[in-house]
Amino acid sequence: MHPIVPLLQLLHLLKRVEGRKKLQKLVHILQECGVPFPERFEYSYYGMYSAQLRSEVERLESEKLVNESPCAAGTNLSYSVETTDDLGKLMKEIGLEEEPAWAATAKHLNGLTAQELEGISTILFLKECGLAGEELKKRLLALKPHLEAIYAKCEKEAGKLPDYRPAAAAA
């Protein structure tokens, strides 16, 4: 499978994602669930970020497969990513019209706010760093005090994420 396929599937499935930050968090969370997104993420001020993902979206826009347009995001200006008819045609041409196994999870996550996704993504990152329980919560709130009011919801959402990694082959 070509490395861009999971991103094409995600965008085709969701049709529209409100904000670049939200798209970054969606991809990171799905990747942590085992969906084969190849993008490399690093921790930044707004949480997990992939310059590679940003570049891929720019490329898809230059190829007229998605449109980025300004949208309101609180008091800040953000950009929504919306698919074009050309992406739908491409997905049909390459036989990828069927929803992936992770479609319901992606749709659910897209219904959450960017801040909630930021919290979930950061929780997953901190778990990867070996933190858990109260230590994880303390660290997250030190890094992102603005998430204190929604921490419990983020923790609950992170805890119910499915694992899409292929089962290990029987020995």
C-alpha atoms as a PDB file:
ATOM      1  CA  MET A   1       0.000   0.000   0.000  1.00  0.00           C
ATOM      2  CA  HIS A   2       1.292   3.469  -0.885  1.00  0.00           C
ATOM      3  CA  PRO A   3       2.083   5.565   2.237  1.00  0.00           C
ATOM      4  CA  ILE A   4      -0.402   8.305   1.272  1.00  0.00           C
ATOM      5  CA  VAL A   5      -3.365   5.881   1.147  1.00  0.00           C
ATOM      6  CA  PRO A   6      -4.381   6.125   4.843  1.00  0.00           C
ATOM      7  CA  LEU A   7      -4.488   9.933   4.576  1.00  0.00           C
ATOM      8  CA  LEU A   8      -6.538   9.744   1.377  1.00  0.00           C
ATOM      9  CA  GLN A   9      -8.913   7.294   3.079  1.00  0.00           C
ATOM     10  CA  LEU A  10      -9.258   9.531   6.134  1.00  0.00           C
ATOM     11  CA  LEU A  11      -9.971  12.681   4.155  1.00  0.00           C
ATOM     12  CA  HIS A  12     -12.352  10.878   1.777  1.00  0.00           C
ATOM     13  CA  LEU A  13     -14.207   9.387   4.749  1.00  0.00           C
ATOM     14  CA  LEU A  14     -14.559  12.608   6.746  1.00  0.00           C
ATOM     15  CA  LYS A  15     -15.052  14.982   3.783  1.00  0.00           C
ATOM     16  CA  ARG A  16     -14.170  17.968   6.009  1.00  0.00           C
ATOM     17  CA  VAL A  17     -11.898  18.543   9.003  1.00  0.00           C
ATOM     18  CA  GLU A  18     -12.214  21.859  10.833  1.00  0.00           C
ATOM     19  CA  GLY A  19      -8.646  22.990  11.371  1.00  0.00           C
ATOM     20  CA  ARG A  20      -5.109  21.897  10.611  1.00  0.00           C
ATOM     21  CA  LYS A  21      -4.497  21.274  14.315  1.00  0.00           C
ATOM     22  CA  LYS A  22      -7.480  18.934  14.426  1.00  0.00           C
ATOM     23  CA  LEU A  23      -6.241  16.996  11.392  1.00  0.00           C
ATOM     24  CA  GLN A  24      -2.795  16.641  12.974  1.00  0.00           C
ATOM     25  CA  LYS A  25      -4.316  15.237  16.173  1.00  0.00           C
ATOM     26  CA  LEU A  26      -6.699  12.915  14.283  1.00  0.00           C
ATOM     27  CA  VAL A  27      -3.847  11.340  12.347  1.00  0.00           C
ATOM     28  CA  HIS A  28      -1.628  11.035  15.434  1.00  0.00           C
ATOM     29  CA  ILE A  29      -4.372   9.371  17.495  1.00  0.00           C
ATOM     30  CA  LEU A  30      -5.282   6.942  14.705  1.00  0.00           C
ATOM     31  CA  GLN A  31      -1.594   6.143  14.245  1.00  0.00           C
ATOM     32  CA  GLU A  32      -1.331   5.366  17.968  1.00  0.00           C
ATOM     33  CA  CYS A  33      -4.310   3.004  17.499  1.00  0.00           C
ATOM     34  CA  GLY A  34      -2.348   1.074  14.887  1.00  0.00           C
ATOM     35  CA  VAL A  35      -3.672   2.613  11.673  1.00  0.00           C
ATOM     36  CA  PRO A  36      -0.672   2.579   9.298  1.00  0.00           C
ATOM     37  CA  PHE A  37      -0.094   6.317   8.898  1.00  0.00           C
ATOM     38  CA  PRO A  38       3.627   6.698   8.097  1.00  0.00           C
ATOM     39  CA  GLU A  39       3.976  10.323   9.232  1.00  0.00           C
ATOM     40  CA  ARG A  40       6.557  11.117  11.901  1.00  0.00           C
ATOM     41  CA  PHE A  41       5.284  13.186  14.809  1.00  0.00           C
ATOM     42  CA  GLU A  42       7.137  15.272  17.347  1.00  0.00           C
ATOM     43  CA  TYR A  43       5.927  17.099  20.408  1.00  0.00           C
ATOM     44  CA  SER A  44       5.467  20.841  19.880  1.00  0.00           C
ATOM     45  CA  TYR A  45       3.712  23.742  21.574  1.00  0.00           C
ATOM     46  CA  TYR A  46       0.284  22.643  20.308  1.00  0.00           C
ATOM     47  CA  GLY A  47       0.968  18.960  20.954  1.00  0.00           C
ATOM     48  CA  MET A  48       1.915  16.308  18.459  1.00  0.00           C
ATOM     49  CA  TYR A  49       2.825  17.735  15.052  1.00  0.00           C
ATOM     50  CA  SER A  50       4.051  16.271  11.775  1.00  0.00           C
ATOM     51  CA  ALA A  51       5.741  18.521   9.225  1.00  0.00           C
ATOM     52  CA  GLN A  52       5.434  15.590   6.817  1.00  0.00           C
ATOM     53  CA  LEU A  53       1.637  15.564   7.218  1.00  0.00           C
ATOM     54  CA  ARG A  54       1.502  19.323   6.663  1.00  0.00           C
ATOM     55  CA  SER A  55       3.525  18.897   3.466  1.00  0.00           C
ATOM     56  CA  GLU A  56       1.290  16.054   2.265  1.00  0.00           C
ATOM     57  CA  VAL A  57      -1.849  18.160   2.723  1.00  0.00           C
ATOM     58  CA  GLU A  58      -0.210  21.014   0.785  1.00  0.00           C
ATOM     59  CA  ARG A  59       0.610  18.550  -1.983  1.00  0.00           C
ATOM     60  CA  LEU A  60      -2.963  17.231  -2.055  1.00  0.00           C
ATOM     61  CA  GLU A  61      -4.190  20.808  -2.310  1.00  0.00           C
ATOM     62  CA  SER A  62      -1.820  21.570  -5.195  1.00  0.00           C
ATOM     63  CA  GLU A  63      -3.197  18.479  -6.953  1.00  0.00           C
ATOM     64  CA  LYS A  64      -6.770  19.762  -6.371  1.00  0.00           C
ATOM     65  CA  LEU A  65      -7.728  16.755  -4.209  1.00  0.00           C
ATOM     66  CA  VAL A  66      -8.481  18.934  -1.163  1.00  0.00           C
ATOM     67  CA  ASN A  67      -9.217  22.597  -0.536  1.00  0.00           C
ATOM     68  CA  GLU A  68      -8.019  24.515   2.487  1.00  0.00           C
ATOM     69  CA  SER A  69     -10.118  27.512   3.404  1.00  0.00           C
ATOM     70  CA  PRO A  70     -10.150  29.931   6.348  1.00  0.00           C
ATOM     71  CA  CYS A  71     -12.602  29.149   9.134  1.00  0.00           C
ATOM     72  CA  ALA A  72     -13.251  30.606  12.573  1.00  0.00           C
ATOM     73  CA  ALA A  73     -11.708  28.707  15.483  1.00  0.00           C
ATOM     74  CA  GLY A  74     -12.547  30.646  18.618  1.00  0.00           C
ATOM     75  CA  THR A  75     -10.647  33.910  18.418  1.00  0.00           C
ATOM     76  CA  ASN A  76      -8.045  32.479  16.044  1.00  0.00           C
ATOM     77  CA  LEU A  77      -8.079  32.007  12.294  1.00  0.00           C
ATOM     78  CA  SER A  78      -7.830  28.388  11.263  1.00  0.00           C
ATOM     79  CA  TYR A  79      -8.108  26.460   8.029  1.00  0.00           C
ATOM     80  CA  SER A  80     -10.554  23.694   7.259  1.00  0.00           C
ATOM     81  CA  VAL A  81      -9.536  20.882   4.946  1.00  0.00           C
ATOM     82  CA  GLU A  82     -12.284  19.746   2.605  1.00  0.00           C
ATOM     83  CA  THR A  83     -12.182  17.073  -0.070  1.00  0.00           C
ATOM     84  CA  THR A  84     -12.953  17.774  -3.710  1.00  0.00           C
ATOM     85  CA  ASP A  85     -14.858  15.679  -6.228  1.00  0.00           C
ATOM     86  CA  ASP A  86     -11.472  14.802  -7.737  1.00  0.00           C
ATOM     87  CA  LEU A  87     -10.504  12.919  -4.570  1.00  0.00           C
ATOM     88  CA  GLY A  88     -13.722  10.905  -4.771  1.00  0.00           C
ATOM     89  CA  LYS A  89     -12.985  10.065  -8.405  1.00  0.00           C
ATOM     90  CA  LEU A  90      -9.419   9.047  -7.543  1.00  0.00           C
ATOM     91  CA  MET A  91     -10.593   6.793  -4.701  1.00  0.00           C
ATOM     92  CA  LYS A  92     -13.015   5.095  -7.095  1.00  0.00           C
ATOM     93  CA  GLU A  93     -10.320   4.684  -9.772  1.00  0.00           C
ATOM     94  CA  ILE A  94      -7.925   2.992  -7.359  1.00  0.00           C
ATOM     95  CA  GLY A  95     -10.639   0.856  -5.772  1.00  0.00           C
ATOM     96  CA  LEU A  96     -10.634   2.432  -2.320  1.00  0.00           C
ATOM     97  CA  GLU A  97     -14.280   3.427  -1.982  1.00  0.00           C
ATOM     98  CA  GLU A  98     -14.949   0.997   0.859  1.00  0.00           C
ATOM     99  CA  GLU A  99     -14.667   2.405   4.371  1.00  0.00           C
ATOM    100  CA  PRO A 100     -11.603   1.219   6.293  1.00  0.00           C
ATOM    101  CA  ALA A 101     -11.968  -0.817   9.510  1.00  0.00           C
ATOM    102  CA  TRP A 102     -11.170   2.307  11.526  1.00  0.00           C
ATOM    103  CA  ALA A 103     -13.894   4.482   9.934  1.00  0.00           C
ATOM    104  CA  ALA A 104     -16.183   4.635  12.984  1.00  0.00           C
ATOM    105  CA  THR A 105     -13.298   5.689  15.228  1.00  0.00           C
ATOM    106  CA  ALA A 106     -12.222   8.416  12.793  1.00  0.00           C
ATOM    107  CA  LYS A 107     -15.777   9.754  12.531  1.00  0.00           C
ATOM    108  CA  HIS A 108     -16.160   9.762  16.317  1.00  0.00           C
ATOM    109  CA  LEU A 109     -12.847  11.577  16.797  1.00  0.00           C
ATOM    110  CA  ASN A 110     -13.755  14.147  14.139  1.00  0.00           C
ATOM    111  CA  GLY A 111     -16.845  14.952  16.207  1.00  0.00           C
ATOM    112  CA  LEU A 112     -14.679  15.969  19.173  1.00  0.00           C
ATOM    113  CA  THR A 113     -13.183  19.438  19.583  1.00  0.00           C
ATOM    114  CA  ALA A 114      -9.600  20.260  18.644  1.00  0.00           C
ATOM    115  CA  GLN A 115      -8.828  20.755  22.353  1.00  0.00           C
ATOM    116  CA  GLU A 116     -10.233  17.346  23.240  1.00  0.00           C
ATOM    117  CA  LEU A 117      -8.124  15.771  20.499  1.00  0.00           C
ATOM    118  CA  GLU A 118      -5.102  17.702  21.783  1.00  0.00           C
ATOM    119  CA  GLY A 119      -5.704  16.205  25.229  1.00  0.00           C
ATOM    120  CA  ILE A 120      -6.174  12.651  23.927  1.00  0.00           C
ATOM    121  CA  SER A 121      -3.130  12.913  21.671  1.00  0.00           C
ATOM    122  CA  THR A 122      -0.983  14.231  24.517  1.00  0.00           C
ATOM    123  CA  ILE A 123      -2.184  11.457  26.843  1.00  0.00           C
ATOM    124  CA  LEU A 124      -1.157   8.871  24.238  1.00  0.00           C
ATOM    125  CA  PHE A 125       2.232  10.577  23.825  1.00  0.00           C
ATOM    126  CA  LEU A 126       2.849  10.608  27.579  1.00  0.00           C
ATOM    127  CA  LYS A 127       1.853   6.936  27.835  1.00  0.00           C
ATOM    128  CA  GLU A 128       4.445   6.184  25.150  1.00  0.00           C
ATOM    129  CA  CYS A 129       6.945   8.003  27.378  1.00  0.00           C
ATOM    130  CA  GLY A 130       6.112   5.570  30.188  1.00  0.00           C
ATOM    131  CA  LEU A 131       3.840   7.764  32.296  1.00  0.00           C
ATOM    132  CA  ALA A 132       0.570   6.557  33.793  1.00  0.00           C
ATOM    133  CA  GLY A 133      -2.087   7.474  36.326  1.00  0.00           C
ATOM    134  CA  GLU A 134      -1.599  10.531  38.504  1.00  0.00           C
ATOM    135  CA  GLU A 135       1.936  11.095  37.177  1.00  0.00           C
ATOM    136  CA  LEU A 136       0.592  11.328  33.617  1.00  0.00           C
ATOM    137  CA  LYS A 137      -2.190  13.720  34.654  1.00  0.00           C
ATOM    138  CA  LYS A 138       0.238  15.941  36.561  1.00  0.00           C
ATOM    139  CA  ARG A 139       2.629  16.094  33.609  1.00  0.00           C
ATOM    140  CA  LEU A 140      -0.137  16.790  31.084  1.00  0.00           C
ATOM    141  CA  LEU A 141      -1.549  19.621  33.173  1.00  0.00           C
ATOM    142  CA  ALA A 142       1.939  21.079  33.651  1.00  0.00           C
ATOM    143  CA  LEU A 143       2.367  21.102  29.861  1.00  0.00           C
ATOM    144  CA  LYS A 144      -1.215  22.078  29.037  1.00  0.00           C
ATOM    145  CA  PRO A 145      -2.977  23.760  31.963  1.00  0.00           C
ATOM    146  CA  HIS A 146      -5.739  24.947  29.607  1.00  0.00           C
ATOM    147  CA  LEU A 147      -6.923  21.320  29.347  1.00  0.00           C
ATOM    148  CA  GLU A 148      -7.656  20.887  33.063  1.00  0.00           C
ATOM    149  CA  ALA A 149     -11.441  21.247  32.687  1.00  0.00           C
ATOM    150  CA  ILE A 150     -11.597  18.515  30.039  1.00  0.00           C
ATOM    151  CA  TYR A 151      -8.878  16.167  31.295  1.00  0.00           C
ATOM    152  CA  ALA A 152     -11.330  13.537  32.606  1.00  0.00           C
ATOM    153  CA  LYS A 153     -13.171  13.408  29.269  1.00  0.00           C
ATOM    154  CA  CYS A 154      -9.882  13.153  27.350  1.00  0.00           C
ATOM    155  CA  GLU A 155      -8.675  10.351  29.619  1.00  0.00           C
ATOM    156  CA  LYS A 156     -11.972   8.482  29.157  1.00  0.00           C
ATOM    157  CA  GLU A 157     -11.844   8.897  25.366  1.00  0.00           C
ATOM    158  CA  ALA A 158      -8.199   7.766  25.242  1.00  0.00           C
ATOM    159  CA  GLY A 159      -9.067   4.721  27.334  1.00  0.00           C
ATOM    160  CA  LYS A 160     -11.760   3.485  24.983  1.00  0.00           C
ATOM    161  CA  LEU A 161      -9.764   3.768  21.754  1.00  0.00           C
ATOM    162  CA  PRO A 162      -9.604   0.474  19.835  1.00  0.00           C
ATOM    163  CA  ASP A 163      -6.372  -1.182  18.712  1.00  0.00           C
ATOM    164  CA  TYR A 164      -6.139  -1.739  14.963  1.00  0.00           C
ATOM    165  CA  ARG A 165      -2.728  -3.407  14.998  1.00  0.00           C
ATOM    166  CA  PRO A 166      -2.764  -6.798  13.275  1.00  0.00           C
ATOM    167  CA  ALA A 167      -2.812  -9.656  15.782  1.00  0.00           C
ATOM    168  CA  ALA A 168       0.595 -11.238  16.243  1.00  0.00           C
ATOM    169  CA  ALA A 169       1.023 -14.359  14.147  1.00  0.00           C
ATOM    170  CA  ALA A 170       0.465 -17.536  16.109  1.00  0.00           C
ATOM    171  CA  ALA A 171       3.745 -19.088  17.162  1.00  0.00           C
END
